[in-house]
């Protein structure tokens, strides 16, 4: 059975919220020093990338409406396959610059698609 595209959008929303909770109230330096927080954040970004990949394959018309989606998938691949060279400042920057716009895009798409 084909998974409803709204489920992927919800996965992205929930992972983005988890990232925000994980970094709430901490500084870049605290983020860099906490392997546990970094691991949690990276895992949630991997979920976001996987959801976007599935969305691109199953609903390309929705996928193209999410700004920076291909770059986010590339980011996911880097986190997964190049874990040794992860730049924690880069991850922090992605959180600060791209997470909220991604959530906004997904929320708008979910509203347009209606409740699951």
PDB file of N, CA and C in Angstrom:
ATOM      1  N   UNK A   1       0.839  -1.182   0.000  1.00  0.00           N
ATOM      2  CA  UNK A   1       0.000   0.000   0.000  1.00  0.00           C
ATOM      3  C   UNK A   1       0.887   1.249   0.000  1.00  0.00           C
ATOM      4  N   UNK A   2       0.543   2.173  -0.841  1.00  0.00           N
ATOM      5  CA  UNK A   2       1.301   3.406  -0.977  1.00  0.00           C
ATOM      6  C   UNK A   2       1.030   4.332   0.211  1.00  0.00           C
ATOM      7  N   UNK A   3       2.105   4.854   0.781  1.00  0.00           N
ATOM      8  CA  UNK A   3       1.979   5.741   1.947  1.00  0.00           C
ATOM      9  C   UNK A   3       1.487   7.115   1.501  1.00  0.00           C
ATOM     10  N   UNK A   4       0.576   7.662   2.237  1.00  0.00           N
ATOM     11  CA  UNK A   4       0.011   8.980   1.955  1.00  0.00           C
ATOM     12  C   UNK A   4       1.123  10.027   2.024  1.00  0.00           C
ATOM     13  N   UNK A   5       1.218  10.920   1.050  1.00  0.00           N
ATOM     14  CA  UNK A   5       2.282  11.931   1.073  1.00  0.00           C
ATOM     15  C   UNK A   5       2.221  12.834   2.309  1.00  0.00           C
ATOM     16  N   UNK A   6       1.053  12.994   2.876  1.00  0.00           N
ATOM     17  CA  UNK A   6       0.939  13.802   4.090  1.00  0.00           C
ATOM     18  C   UNK A   6       1.726  13.181   5.240  1.00  0.00           C
ATOM     19  N   UNK A   7       1.859  11.866   5.224  1.00  0.00           N
ATOM     20  CA  UNK A   7       2.628  11.195   6.282  1.00  0.00           C
ATOM     21  C   UNK A   7       4.100  11.603   6.214  1.00  0.00           C
ATOM     22  N   UNK A   8       4.638  11.746   5.007  1.00  0.00           N
ATOM     23  CA  UNK A   8       6.020  12.195   4.868  1.00  0.00           C
ATOM     24  C   UNK A   8       6.177  13.634   5.351  1.00  0.00           C
ATOM     25  N   UNK A   9       5.205  14.459   5.020  1.00  0.00           N
ATOM     26  CA  UNK A   9       5.244  15.849   5.479  1.00  0.00           C
ATOM     27  C   UNK A   9       5.166  15.920   7.003  1.00  0.00           C
ATOM     28  N   UNK A  10       4.356  15.068   7.591  1.00  0.00           N
ATOM     29  CA  UNK A  10       4.272  15.011   9.055  1.00  0.00           C
ATOM     30  C   UNK A  10       5.577  14.508   9.663  1.00  0.00           C
ATOM     31  N   UNK A  11       6.205  13.540   9.014  1.00  0.00           N
ATOM     32  CA  UNK A  11       7.506  13.059   9.493  1.00  0.00           C
ATOM     33  C   UNK A  11       8.515  14.207   9.530  1.00  0.00           C
ATOM     34  N   UNK A  12       8.515  15.014   8.478  1.00  0.00           N
ATOM     35  CA  UNK A  12       9.423  16.162   8.413  1.00  0.00           C
ATOM     36  C   UNK A  12       9.110  17.138   9.528  1.00  0.00           C
ATOM     37  N   UNK A  13       7.841  17.434   9.713  1.00  0.00           N
ATOM     38  CA  UNK A  13       7.415  18.362  10.770  1.00  0.00           C
ATOM     39  C   UNK A  13       7.872  17.867  12.145  1.00  0.00           C
ATOM     40  N   UNK A  14       7.627  16.609  12.422  1.00  0.00           N
ATOM     41  CA  UNK A  14       7.965  16.056  13.735  1.00  0.00           C
ATOM     42  C   UNK A  14       9.479  16.022  13.957  1.00  0.00           C
ATOM     43  N   UNK A  15      10.233  15.695  12.927  1.00  0.00           N
ATOM     44  CA  UNK A  15      11.694  15.667  13.056  1.00  0.00           C
ATOM     45  C   UNK A  15      12.229  17.085  13.272  1.00  0.00           C
ATOM     46  N   UNK A  16      11.682  18.044  12.554  1.00  0.00           N
ATOM     47  CA  UNK A  16      12.117  19.436  12.722  1.00  0.00           C
ATOM     48  C   UNK A  16      11.803  19.931  14.133  1.00  0.00           C
ATOM     49  N   UNK A  17      10.640  19.574  14.645  1.00  0.00           N
ATOM     50  CA  UNK A  17      10.283  19.950  16.017  1.00  0.00           C
ATOM     51  C   UNK A  17      11.237  19.315  17.020  1.00  0.00           C
ATOM     52  N   UNK A  18      11.598  18.064  16.789  1.00  0.00           N
ATOM     53  CA  UNK A  18      12.529  17.373  17.689  1.00  0.00           C
ATOM     54  C   UNK A  18      13.893  18.068  17.682  1.00  0.00           C
ATOM     55  N   UNK A  19      14.323  18.527  16.525  1.00  0.00           N
ATOM     56  CA  UNK A  19      15.591  19.265  16.441  1.00  0.00           C
ATOM     57  C   UNK A  19      15.500  20.547  17.250  1.00  0.00           C
ATOM     58  N   UNK A  20      14.405  21.253  17.094  1.00  0.00           N
ATOM     59  CA  UNK A  20      14.239  22.507  17.836  1.00  0.00           C
ATOM     60  C   UNK A  20      14.256  22.270  19.341  1.00  0.00           C
ATOM     61  N   UNK A  21      13.619  21.211  19.787  1.00  0.00           N
ATOM     62  CA  UNK A  21      13.623  20.880  21.210  1.00  0.00           C
ATOM     63  C   UNK A  21      15.045  20.546  21.668  1.00  0.00           C
ATOM     64  N   UNK A  22      15.761  19.794  20.854  1.00  0.00           N
ATOM     65  CA  UNK A  22      17.113  19.364  21.225  1.00  0.00           C
ATOM     66  C   UNK A  22      18.072  20.536  21.391  1.00  0.00           C
ATOM     67  N   UNK A  23      17.899  21.585  20.597  1.00  0.00           N
ATOM     68  CA  UNK A  23      18.842  22.709  20.654  1.00  0.00           C
ATOM     69  C   UNK A  23      18.289  23.925  21.393  1.00  0.00           C
ATOM     70  N   UNK A  24      17.097  23.799  21.896  1.00  0.00           N
ATOM     71  CA  UNK A  24      16.479  24.923  22.600  1.00  0.00           C
ATOM     72  C   UNK A  24      17.312  25.330  23.819  1.00  0.00           C
ATOM     73  N   UNK A  25      17.651  26.599  23.865  1.00  0.00           N
ATOM     74  CA  UNK A  25      18.351  27.136  25.025  1.00  0.00           C
ATOM     75  C   UNK A  25      19.832  26.827  25.102  1.00  0.00           C
ATOM     76  N   UNK A  26      20.401  26.265  24.048  1.00  0.00           N
ATOM     77  CA  UNK A  26      21.839  25.995  24.092  1.00  0.00           C
ATOM     78  C   UNK A  26      22.563  26.842  23.045  1.00  0.00           C
ATOM     79  N   UNK A  27      23.849  26.985  23.250  1.00  0.00           N
ATOM     80  CA  UNK A  27      24.690  27.737  22.330  1.00  0.00           C
ATOM     81  C   UNK A  27      25.373  26.784  21.351  1.00  0.00           C
ATOM     82  N   UNK A  28      25.988  27.361  20.342  1.00  0.00           N
ATOM     83  CA  UNK A  28      26.771  26.565  19.402  1.00  0.00           C
ATOM     84  C   UNK A  28      27.844  25.775  20.141  1.00  0.00           C
ATOM     85  N   UNK A  29      28.507  26.426  21.078  1.00  0.00           N
ATOM     86  CA  UNK A  29      29.575  25.753  21.826  1.00  0.00           C
ATOM     87  C   UNK A  29      29.036  24.566  22.611  1.00  0.00           C
ATOM     88  N   UNK A  30      27.881  24.729  23.232  1.00  0.00           N
ATOM     89  CA  UNK A  30      27.281  23.616  23.973  1.00  0.00           C
ATOM     90  C   UNK A  30      26.870  22.495  23.015  1.00  0.00           C
ATOM     91  N   UNK A  31      26.369  22.885  21.855  1.00  0.00           N
ATOM     92  CA  UNK A  31      26.018  21.899  20.839  1.00  0.00           C
ATOM     93  C   UNK A  31      27.250  21.096  20.426  1.00  0.00           C
ATOM     94  N   UNK A  32      28.342  21.799  20.145  1.00  0.00           N
ATOM     95  CA  UNK A  32      29.573  21.135  19.717  1.00  0.00           C
ATOM     96  C   UNK A  32      30.111  20.181  20.778  1.00  0.00           C
ATOM     97  N   UNK A  33      29.891  20.498  22.041  1.00  0.00           N
ATOM     98  CA  UNK A  33      30.427  19.689  23.136  1.00  0.00           C
ATOM     99  C   UNK A  33      29.549  18.503  23.513  1.00  0.00           C
ATOM    100  N   UNK A  34      28.314  18.457  23.015  1.00  0.00           N
ATOM    101  CA  UNK A  34      27.402  17.391  23.413  1.00  0.00           C
ATOM    102  C   UNK A  34      27.190  16.378  22.282  1.00  0.00           C
ATOM    103  N   UNK A  35      27.858  15.265  22.397  1.00  0.00           N
ATOM    104  CA  UNK A  35      27.699  14.205  21.395  1.00  0.00           C
ATOM    105  C   UNK A  35      26.252  13.722  21.349  1.00  0.00           C
ATOM    106  N   UNK A  36      25.615  13.649  22.499  1.00  0.00           N
ATOM    107  CA  UNK A  36      24.236  13.174  22.564  1.00  0.00           C
ATOM    108  C   UNK A  36      23.299  14.087  21.769  1.00  0.00           C
ATOM    109  N   UNK A  37      23.420  15.379  21.959  1.00  0.00           N
ATOM    110  CA  UNK A  37      22.557  16.321  21.234  1.00  0.00           C
ATOM    111  C   UNK A  37      22.884  16.283  19.744  1.00  0.00           C
ATOM    112  N   UNK A  38      24.159  16.280  19.406  1.00  0.00           N
ATOM    113  CA  UNK A  38      24.552  16.230  17.991  1.00  0.00           C
ATOM    114  C   UNK A  38      23.990  14.970  17.332  1.00  0.00           C
ATOM    115  N   UNK A  39      24.086  13.850  18.010  1.00  0.00           N
ATOM    116  CA  UNK A  39      23.574  12.591  17.460  1.00  0.00           C
ATOM    117  C   UNK A  39      22.066  12.658  17.237  1.00  0.00           C
ATOM    118  N   UNK A  40      21.371  13.212  18.196  1.00  0.00           N
ATOM    119  CA  UNK A  40      19.915  13.332  18.066  1.00  0.00           C
ATOM    120  C   UNK A  40      19.549  14.225  16.885  1.00  0.00           C
ATOM    121  N   UNK A  41      20.224  15.361  16.779  1.00  0.00           N
ATOM    122  CA  UNK A  41      19.951  16.300  15.692  1.00  0.00           C
ATOM    123  C   UNK A  41      20.256  15.656  14.341  1.00  0.00           C
ATOM    124  N   UNK A  42      21.390  15.002  14.240  1.00  0.00           N
ATOM    125  CA  UNK A  42      21.777  14.370  12.983  1.00  0.00           C
ATOM    126  C   UNK A  42      20.776  13.285  12.593  1.00  0.00           C
ATOM    127  N   UNK A  43      20.327  12.520  13.558  1.00  0.00           N
ATOM    128  CA  UNK A  43      19.329  11.467  13.284  1.00  0.00           C
ATOM    129  C   UNK A  43      18.041  12.079  12.750  1.00  0.00           C
ATOM    130  N   UNK A  44      17.600  13.166  13.339  1.00  0.00           N
ATOM    131  CA  UNK A  44      16.366  13.811  12.876  1.00  0.00           C
ATOM    132  C   UNK A  44      16.541  14.390  11.473  1.00  0.00           C
ATOM    133  N   UNK A  45      17.717  14.916  11.170  1.00  0.00           N
ATOM    134  CA  UNK A  45      17.976  15.392   9.803  1.00  0.00           C
ATOM    135  C   UNK A  45      17.971  14.232   8.813  1.00  0.00           C
ATOM    136  N   UNK A  46      18.446  13.081   9.245  1.00  0.00           N
ATOM    137  CA  UNK A  46      18.414  11.900   8.375  1.00  0.00           C
ATOM    138  C   UNK A  46      16.968  11.509   8.088  1.00  0.00           C
ATOM    139  N   UNK A  47      16.117  11.567   9.087  1.00  0.00           N
ATOM    140  CA  UNK A  47      14.692  11.290   8.888  1.00  0.00           C
ATOM    141  C   UNK A  47      14.092  12.284   7.903  1.00  0.00           C
ATOM    142  N   UNK A  48      14.417  13.563   8.068  1.00  0.00           N
ATOM    143  CA  UNK A  48      13.911  14.587   7.150  1.00  0.00           C
ATOM    144  C   UNK A  48      14.360  14.274   5.719  1.00  0.00           C
ATOM    145  N   UNK A  49      15.631  13.947   5.550  1.00  0.00           N
ATOM    146  CA  UNK A  49      16.138  13.630   4.220  1.00  0.00           C
ATOM    147  C   UNK A  49      15.483  12.407   3.608  1.00  0.00           C
ATOM    148  N   UNK A  50      15.240  11.393   4.406  1.00  0.00           N
ATOM    149  CA  UNK A  50      14.575  10.188   3.914  1.00  0.00           C
ATOM    150  C   UNK A  50      13.136  10.491   3.511  1.00  0.00           C
ATOM    151  N   UNK A  51      12.442  11.269   4.323  1.00  0.00           N
ATOM    152  CA  UNK A  51      11.058  11.627   3.995  1.00  0.00           C
ATOM    153  C   UNK A  51      11.011  12.420   2.689  1.00  0.00           C
ATOM    154  N   UNK A  52      11.954  13.348   2.524  1.00  0.00           N
ATOM    155  CA  UNK A  52      12.000  14.124   1.275  1.00  0.00           C
ATOM    156  C   UNK A  52      12.331  13.244   0.081  1.00  0.00           C
ATOM    157  N   UNK A  53      13.236  12.296   0.266  1.00  0.00           N
ATOM    158  CA  UNK A  53      13.570  11.370  -0.818  1.00  0.00           C
ATOM    159  C   UNK A  53      12.341  10.578  -1.243  1.00  0.00           C
ATOM    160  N   UNK A  54      11.619  10.055  -0.278  1.00  0.00           N
ATOM    161  CA  UNK A  54      10.398   9.306  -0.591  1.00  0.00           C
ATOM    162  C   UNK A  54       9.361  10.189  -1.262  1.00  0.00           C
ATOM    163  N   UNK A  55       9.232  11.406  -0.785  1.00  0.00           N
ATOM    164  CA  UNK A  55       8.285  12.345  -1.380  1.00  0.00           C
ATOM    165  C   UNK A  55       8.680  12.644  -2.829  1.00  0.00           C
ATOM    166  N   UNK A  56       9.974  12.796  -3.092  1.00  0.00           N
ATOM    167  CA  UNK A  56      10.431  13.093  -4.457  1.00  0.00           C
ATOM    168  C   UNK A  56      10.095  11.953  -5.418  1.00  0.00           C
ATOM    169  N   UNK A  57      10.141  10.738  -4.916  1.00  0.00           N
ATOM    170  CA  UNK A  57       9.857   9.572  -5.758  1.00  0.00           C
ATOM    171  C   UNK A  57       8.358   9.351  -5.954  1.00  0.00           C
ATOM    172  N   UNK A  58       7.586   9.625  -4.936  1.00  0.00           N
ATOM    173  CA  UNK A  58       6.157   9.307  -4.979  1.00  0.00           C
ATOM    174  C   UNK A  58       5.270  10.482  -5.361  1.00  0.00           C
ATOM    175  N   UNK A  59       5.699  11.676  -5.000  1.00  0.00           N
ATOM    176  CA  UNK A  59       4.897  12.875  -5.278  1.00  0.00           C
ATOM    177  C   UNK A  59       5.810  14.016  -5.729  1.00  0.00           C
ATOM    178  N   UNK A  60       6.397  13.901  -6.913  1.00  0.00           N
ATOM    179  CA  UNK A  60       7.350  14.919  -7.362  1.00  0.00           C
ATOM    180  C   UNK A  60       6.748  16.326  -7.432  1.00  0.00           C
ATOM    181  N   UNK A  61       5.454  16.423  -7.701  1.00  0.00           N
ATOM    182  CA  UNK A  61       4.821  17.747  -7.752  1.00  0.00           C
ATOM    183  C   UNK A  61       4.824  18.430  -6.384  1.00  0.00           C
ATOM    184  N   UNK A  62       4.707  17.669  -5.325  1.00  0.00           N
ATOM    185  CA  UNK A  62       4.804  18.227  -3.969  1.00  0.00           C
ATOM    186  C   UNK A  62       6.255  18.534  -3.622  1.00  0.00           C
ATOM    187  N   UNK A  63       7.124  17.623  -3.980  1.00  0.00           N
ATOM    188  CA  UNK A  63       8.541  17.764  -3.661  1.00  0.00           C
ATOM    189  C   UNK A  63       9.109  19.077  -4.190  1.00  0.00           C
ATOM    190  N   UNK A  64       8.782  19.432  -5.411  1.00  0.00           N
ATOM    191  CA  UNK A  64       9.355  20.648  -6.018  1.00  0.00           C
ATOM    192  C   UNK A  64       8.846  21.915  -5.341  1.00  0.00           C
ATOM    193  N   UNK A  65       7.817  21.801  -4.545  1.00  0.00           N
ATOM    194  CA  UNK A  65       7.268  22.969  -3.843  1.00  0.00           C
ATOM    195  C   UNK A  65       7.950  23.221  -2.503  1.00  0.00           C
ATOM    196  N   UNK A  66       8.912  22.384  -2.152  1.00  0.00           N
ATOM    197  CA  UNK A  66       9.652  22.548  -0.898  1.00  0.00           C
ATOM    198  C   UNK A  66      11.027  23.132  -1.231  1.00  0.00           C
ATOM    199  N   UNK A  67      11.223  24.363  -0.834  1.00  0.00           N
ATOM    200  CA  UNK A  67      12.486  25.050  -1.122  1.00  0.00           C
ATOM    201  C   UNK A  67      13.658  24.285  -0.529  1.00  0.00           C
ATOM    202  N   UNK A  68      14.734  24.223  -1.262  1.00  0.00           N
ATOM    203  CA  UNK A  68      15.989  23.612  -0.822  1.00  0.00           C
ATOM    204  C   UNK A  68      15.893  22.107  -0.588  1.00  0.00           C
ATOM    205  N   UNK A  69      14.826  21.458  -1.030  1.00  0.00           N
ATOM    206  CA  UNK A  69      14.668  20.020  -0.775  1.00  0.00           C
ATOM    207  C   UNK A  69      15.838  19.187  -1.317  1.00  0.00           C
ATOM    208  N   UNK A  70      16.301  19.419  -2.543  1.00  0.00           N
ATOM    209  CA  UNK A  70      17.440  18.612  -3.010  1.00  0.00           C
ATOM    210  C   UNK A  70      18.697  18.815  -2.155  1.00  0.00           C
ATOM    211  N   UNK A  71      18.911  20.044  -1.704  1.00  0.00           N
ATOM    212  CA  UNK A  71      20.076  20.316  -0.864  1.00  0.00           C
ATOM    213  C   UNK A  71      19.947  19.632   0.494  1.00  0.00           C
ATOM    214  N   UNK A  72      18.727  19.561   1.003  1.00  0.00           N
ATOM    215  CA  UNK A  72      18.501  18.893   2.286  1.00  0.00           C
ATOM    216  C   UNK A  72      18.782  17.395   2.150  1.00  0.00           C
ATOM    217  N   UNK A  73      18.393  16.811   1.027  1.00  0.00           N
ATOM    218  CA  UNK A  73      18.690  15.393   0.790  1.00  0.00           C
ATOM    219  C   UNK A  73      20.201  15.186   0.704  1.00  0.00           C
ATOM    220  N   UNK A  74      20.893  16.078   0.035  1.00  0.00           N
ATOM    221  CA  UNK A  74      22.363  15.991  -0.038  1.00  0.00           C
ATOM    222  C   UNK A  74      22.983  16.110   1.351  1.00  0.00           C
ATOM    223  N   UNK A  75      22.421  17.004   2.155  1.00  0.00           N
ATOM    224  CA  UNK A  75      22.877  17.179   3.533  1.00  0.00           C
ATOM    225  C   UNK A  75      22.684  15.880   4.309  1.00  0.00           C
ATOM    226  N   UNK A  76      21.546  15.244   4.138  1.00  0.00           N
ATOM    227  CA  UNK A  76      21.264  13.961   4.787  1.00  0.00           C
ATOM    228  C   UNK A  76      22.297  12.921   4.383  1.00  0.00           C
ATOM    229  N   UNK A  77      22.624  12.877   3.092  1.00  0.00           N
ATOM    230  CA  UNK A  77      23.602  11.914   2.604  1.00  0.00           C
ATOM    231  C   UNK A  77      24.971  12.164   3.219  1.00  0.00           C
ATOM    232  N   UNK A  78      25.333  13.411   3.345  1.00  0.00           N
ATOM    233  CA  UNK A  78      26.613  13.766   3.956  1.00  0.00           C
ATOM    234  C   UNK A  78      26.635  13.320   5.423  1.00  0.00           C
ATOM    235  N   UNK A  79      25.557  13.571   6.155  1.00  0.00           N
ATOM    236  CA  UNK A  79      25.484  13.156   7.555  1.00  0.00           C
ATOM    237  C   UNK A  79      25.595  11.638   7.694  1.00  0.00           C
ATOM    238  N   UNK A  80      24.993  10.930   6.751  1.00  0.00           N
ATOM    239  CA  UNK A  80      24.965   9.475   6.827  1.00  0.00           C
ATOM    240  C   UNK A  80      26.274   8.836   6.395  1.00  0.00           C
ATOM    241  N   UNK A  81      26.824   9.299   5.298  1.00  0.00           N
ATOM    242  CA  UNK A  81      27.957   8.609   4.692  1.00  0.00           C
ATOM    243  C   UNK A  81      29.306   9.255   4.966  1.00  0.00           C
ATOM    244  N   UNK A  82      29.301  10.503   5.389  1.00  0.00           N
ATOM    245  CA  UNK A  82      30.561  11.198   5.649  1.00  0.00           C
ATOM    246  C   UNK A  82      30.606  11.678   7.101  1.00  0.00           C
ATOM    247  N   UNK A  83      30.104  10.835   7.985  1.00  0.00           N
ATOM    248  CA  UNK A  83      29.971  11.208   9.394  1.00  0.00           C
ATOM    249  C   UNK A  83      31.295  11.622  10.037  1.00  0.00           C
ATOM    250  N   UNK A  84      32.393  11.128   9.535  1.00  0.00           N
ATOM    251  CA  UNK A  84      33.703  11.439  10.114  1.00  0.00           C
ATOM    252  C   UNK A  84      34.063  12.919   9.913  1.00  0.00           C
ATOM    253  N   UNK A  85      33.555  13.506   8.855  1.00  0.00           N
ATOM    254  CA  UNK A  85      33.943  14.883   8.514  1.00  0.00           C
ATOM    255  C   UNK A  85      32.827  15.893   8.750  1.00  0.00           C
ATOM    256  N   UNK A  86      31.856  15.557   9.569  1.00  0.00           N
ATOM    257  CA  UNK A  86      30.744  16.483   9.813  1.00  0.00           C
ATOM    258  C   UNK A  86      31.258  17.760  10.463  1.00  0.00           C
ATOM    259  N   UNK A  87      30.873  18.869   9.895  1.00  0.00           N
ATOM    260  CA  UNK A  87      31.199  20.181  10.433  1.00  0.00           C
ATOM    261  C   UNK A  87      30.023  20.617  11.314  1.00  0.00           C
ATOM    262  N   UNK A  88      30.230  20.632  12.617  1.00  0.00           N
ATOM    263  CA  UNK A  88      29.135  20.913  13.544  1.00  0.00           C
ATOM    264  C   UNK A  88      28.628  22.349  13.405  1.00  0.00           C
ATOM    265  N   UNK A  89      29.493  23.260  13.027  1.00  0.00           N
ATOM    266  CA  UNK A  89      29.064  24.639  12.788  1.00  0.00           C
ATOM    267  C   UNK A  89      28.137  24.717  11.572  1.00  0.00           C
ATOM    268  N   UNK A  90      28.419  23.896  10.570  1.00  0.00           N
ATOM    269  CA  UNK A  90      27.544  23.841   9.400  1.00  0.00           C
ATOM    270  C   UNK A  90      26.162  23.318   9.789  1.00  0.00           C
ATOM    271  N   UNK A  91      26.128  22.249  10.565  1.00  0.00           N
ATOM    272  CA  UNK A  91      24.846  21.698  11.018  1.00  0.00           C
ATOM    273  C   UNK A  91      24.080  22.763  11.798  1.00  0.00           C
ATOM    274  N   UNK A  92      24.770  23.455  12.696  1.00  0.00           N
ATOM    275  CA  UNK A  92      24.155  24.518  13.489  1.00  0.00           C
ATOM    276  C   UNK A  92      23.575  25.596  12.559  1.00  0.00           C
ATOM    277  N   UNK A  93      24.333  25.955  11.534  1.00  0.00           N
ATOM    278  CA  UNK A  93      23.874  26.956  10.576  1.00  0.00           C
ATOM    279  C   UNK A  93      22.628  26.504   9.822  1.00  0.00           C
ATOM    280  N   UNK A  94      22.580  25.227   9.457  1.00  0.00           N
ATOM    281  CA  UNK A  94      21.396  24.688   8.780  1.00  0.00           C
ATOM    282  C   UNK A  94      20.186  24.785   9.706  1.00  0.00           C
ATOM    283  N   UNK A  95      20.387  24.463  10.968  1.00  0.00           N
ATOM    284  CA  UNK A  95      19.298  24.570  11.941  1.00  0.00           C
ATOM    285  C   UNK A  95      18.792  26.007  11.992  1.00  0.00           C
ATOM    286  N   UNK A  96      19.711  26.950  12.106  1.00  0.00           N
ATOM    287  CA  UNK A  96      19.344  28.353  12.275  1.00  0.00           C
ATOM    288  C   UNK A  96      18.712  28.943  11.018  1.00  0.00           C
ATOM    289  N   UNK A  97      19.174  28.531   9.851  1.00  0.00           N
ATOM    290  CA  UNK A  97      18.744  29.183   8.612  1.00  0.00           C
ATOM    291  C   UNK A  97      17.626  28.459   7.866  1.00  0.00           C
ATOM    292  N   UNK A  98      17.623  27.137   7.880  1.00  0.00           N
ATOM    293  CA  UNK A  98      16.725  26.402   6.986  1.00  0.00           C
ATOM    294  C   UNK A  98      15.604  25.622   7.657  1.00  0.00           C
ATOM    295  N   UNK A  99      15.706  25.379   8.941  1.00  0.00           N
ATOM    296  CA  UNK A  99      14.719  24.521   9.588  1.00  0.00           C
ATOM    297  C   UNK A  99      13.332  25.161   9.629  1.00  0.00           C
ATOM    298  N   UNK A 100      13.253  26.411  10.038  1.00  0.00           N
ATOM    299  CA  UNK A 100      11.950  27.076  10.117  1.00  0.00           C
ATOM    300  C   UNK A 100      11.289  27.221   8.746  1.00  0.00           C
ATOM    301  N   UNK A 101      12.015  27.659   7.700  1.00  0.00           N
ATOM    302  CA  UNK A 101      11.371  27.712   6.380  1.00  0.00           C
ATOM    303  C   UNK A 101      10.877  26.345   5.895  1.00  0.00           C
ATOM    304  N   UNK A 102      11.620  25.285   6.218  1.00  0.00           N
ATOM    305  CA  UNK A 102      11.187  23.939   5.853  1.00  0.00           C
ATOM    306  C   UNK A 102       9.884  23.589   6.559  1.00  0.00           C
ATOM    307  N   UNK A 103       9.812  23.891   7.841  1.00  0.00           N
ATOM    308  CA  UNK A 103       8.583  23.620   8.589  1.00  0.00           C
ATOM    309  C   UNK A 103       7.408  24.410   8.013  1.00  0.00           C
ATOM    310  N   UNK A 104       7.648  25.651   7.664  1.00  0.00           N
ATOM    311  CA  UNK A 104       6.593  26.486   7.098  1.00  0.00           C
ATOM    312  C   UNK A 104       6.093  25.903   5.781  1.00  0.00           C
ATOM    313  N   UNK A 105       7.011  25.483   4.915  1.00  0.00           N
ATOM    314  CA  UNK A 105       6.621  24.883   3.628  1.00  0.00           C
ATOM    315  C   UNK A 105       5.778  23.634   3.843  1.00  0.00           C
ATOM    316  N   UNK A 106       6.215  22.780   4.755  1.00  0.00           N
ATOM    317  CA  UNK A 106       5.474  21.542   5.016  1.00  0.00           C
ATOM    318  C   UNK A 106       4.104  21.835   5.607  1.00  0.00           C
ATOM    319  N   UNK A 107       4.039  22.797   6.508  1.00  0.00           N
ATOM    320  CA  UNK A 107       2.762  23.162   7.110  1.00  0.00           C
ATOM    321  C   UNK A 107       1.787  23.679   6.055  1.00  0.00           C
ATOM    322  N   UNK A 108       2.276  24.517   5.149  1.00  0.00           N
ATOM    323  CA  UNK A 108       1.416  25.038   4.083  1.00  0.00           C
ATOM    324  C   UNK A 108       0.920  23.926   3.172  1.00  0.00           C
ATOM    325  N   UNK A 109       1.800  22.994   2.832  1.00  0.00           N
ATOM    326  CA  UNK A 109       1.392  21.878   1.996  1.00  0.00           C
ATOM    327  C   UNK A 109       0.364  20.997   2.708  1.00  0.00           C
ATOM    328  N   UNK A 110       0.583  20.755   3.984  1.00  0.00           N
ATOM    329  CA  UNK A 110      -0.379  19.956   4.755  1.00  0.00           C
ATOM    330  C   UNK A 110      -1.743  20.635   4.793  1.00  0.00           C
ATOM    331  N   UNK A 111      -1.767  21.945   4.953  1.00  0.00           N
ATOM    332  CA  UNK A 111      -3.029  22.674   4.965  1.00  0.00           C
ATOM    333  C   UNK A 111      -3.727  22.575   3.614  1.00  0.00           C
ATOM    334  N   UNK A 112      -2.949  22.677   2.548  1.00  0.00           N
ATOM    335  CA  UNK A 112      -3.529  22.581   1.201  1.00  0.00           C
ATOM    336  C   UNK A 112      -4.059  21.183   0.902  1.00  0.00           C
ATOM    337  N   UNK A 113      -3.390  20.179   1.441  1.00  0.00           N
ATOM    338  CA  UNK A 113      -3.795  18.790   1.195  1.00  0.00           C
ATOM    339  C   UNK A 113      -4.942  18.345   2.104  1.00  0.00           C
ATOM    340  N   UNK A 114      -5.166  19.063   3.174  1.00  0.00           N
ATOM    341  CA  UNK A 114      -6.213  18.689   4.123  1.00  0.00           C
ATOM    342  C   UNK A 114      -5.731  17.655   5.127  1.00  0.00           C
ATOM    343  N   UNK A 115      -6.516  17.456   6.153  1.00  0.00           N
ATOM    344  CA  UNK A 115      -6.159  16.532   7.229  1.00  0.00           C
ATOM    345  C   UNK A 115      -6.095  15.099   6.703  1.00  0.00           C
ATOM    346  N   UNK A 116      -5.153  14.299   7.247  1.00  0.00           N
ATOM    347  CA  UNK A 116      -5.039  12.888   6.802  1.00  0.00           C
ATOM    348  C   UNK A 116      -6.245  12.062   7.218  1.00  0.00           C
TER     349      UNK A 116
END
